[in-house]
Amino acid sequence: MNNERKAADMLKWMAWTVGIIGALLMAFSVSDFRSSNFPLMVSIGFLIAGMNIFILSTVFRLMTLKHQEV
C-alpha cells in the first residue's frame, strides 16, 4: 500500500469520526432548535465538515489513481 492511499484512508476515517461526533452532539441538543443553541450549531458544523472531509478523501484517492495511470 502506498503513502497516497494511506493518506486517503486516514482522511476517510477522520471524516467518519467527525460525522459521528456531530451526530452525537446533535442527538443531545436538537430539542432546543434555535440559533442561540451553541451545541446545536457546533454539531451542524461537525456534520458539514465531515461531509467535506469525506469528499476530499474521495477526490484525493481519484487523483492518485489518475496519477498512477499516467
Protein backbone atom coordinates (compact mmCIF):
# COMPACT_ATOMS: atom_id res chain seq x y z
CA MET A 1 0.00 0.00 0.00
CA ASN A 2 1.45 3.36 -0.99
CA ASN A 3 1.53 6.54 1.05
CA GLU A 4 -1.14 8.27 -1.05
CA ARG A 5 -3.63 5.52 -0.35
CA LYS A 6 -2.79 5.60 3.36
CA ALA A 7 -3.46 9.35 3.39
CA ALA A 8 -6.81 8.89 1.63
CA ASP A 9 -7.79 6.17 4.11
CA MET A 10 -6.81 8.40 7.02
CA LEU A 11 -8.97 11.21 5.65
CA LYS A 12 -11.87 8.78 5.30
CA TRP A 13 -11.57 7.70 8.94
CA MET A 14 -11.31 11.31 10.07
CA ALA A 15 -14.49 12.11 8.12
CA TRP A 16 -16.38 9.26 9.78
CA THR A 17 -15.12 10.31 13.21
CA VAL A 18 -16.12 13.95 12.74
CA GLY A 19 -19.51 12.90 11.36
CA ILE A 20 -20.22 10.60 14.30
CA ILE A 21 -19.22 13.31 16.79
CA GLY A 22 -21.57 15.73 15.01
CA ALA A 23 -24.42 13.20 15.06
CA LEU A 24 -23.94 12.55 18.78
CA LEU A 25 -23.85 16.25 19.58
CA MET A 26 -26.98 16.81 17.53
CA ALA A 27 -28.82 13.96 19.24
CA PHE A 28 -28.33 15.64 22.62
CA SER A 29 -29.04 19.23 21.59
CA VAL A 30 -31.70 19.12 18.88
CA SER A 31 -34.63 19.55 21.28
CA ASP A 32 -33.88 23.26 21.68
CA PHE A 33 -33.81 24.19 17.98
CA ARG A 34 -32.79 27.86 17.75
CA SER A 35 -29.78 29.80 16.54
CA SER A 36 -28.57 30.68 20.03
CA ASN A 37 -28.14 26.97 20.88
CA PHE A 38 -24.36 26.74 20.62
CA PRO A 39 -24.01 22.91 20.85
CA LEU A 40 -26.54 22.51 18.03
CA MET A 41 -24.65 24.93 15.81
CA VAL A 42 -21.36 23.14 16.57
CA SER A 43 -22.94 19.78 15.73
CA ILE A 44 -24.17 21.09 12.38
CA GLY A 45 -20.66 22.37 11.72
CA PHE A 46 -19.19 18.96 12.53
CA LEU A 47 -21.64 17.26 10.16
CA ILE A 48 -20.80 19.65 7.32
CA ALA A 49 -17.07 19.30 7.99
CA GLY A 50 -17.35 15.51 7.99
CA MET A 51 -19.03 15.53 4.59
CA ASN A 52 -16.40 17.89 3.19
CA ILE A 53 -13.53 15.77 4.52
CA PHE A 54 -15.12 12.66 3.01
CA ILE A 55 -15.43 14.38 -0.38
CA LEU A 56 -11.79 15.47 -0.17
CA SER A 57 -10.67 11.93 0.62
CA THR A 58 -12.55 10.65 -2.43
CA VAL A 59 -11.04 13.34 -4.65
CA PHE A 60 -7.58 12.62 -3.24
CA ARG A 61 -7.99 8.90 -3.97
CA LEU A 62 -9.16 9.60 -7.54
CA MET A 63 -6.25 11.98 -8.15
CA THR A 64 -3.74 9.35 -7.02
CA LEU A 65 -5.39 6.73 -9.26
CA LYS A 66 -5.15 9.10 -12.23
CA HIS A 67 -1.52 9.81 -11.34
CA GLN A 68 -0.71 6.07 -11.28
CA GLU A 69 -2.27 5.53 -14.72
CA VAL A 70 -0.07 8.15 -16.38
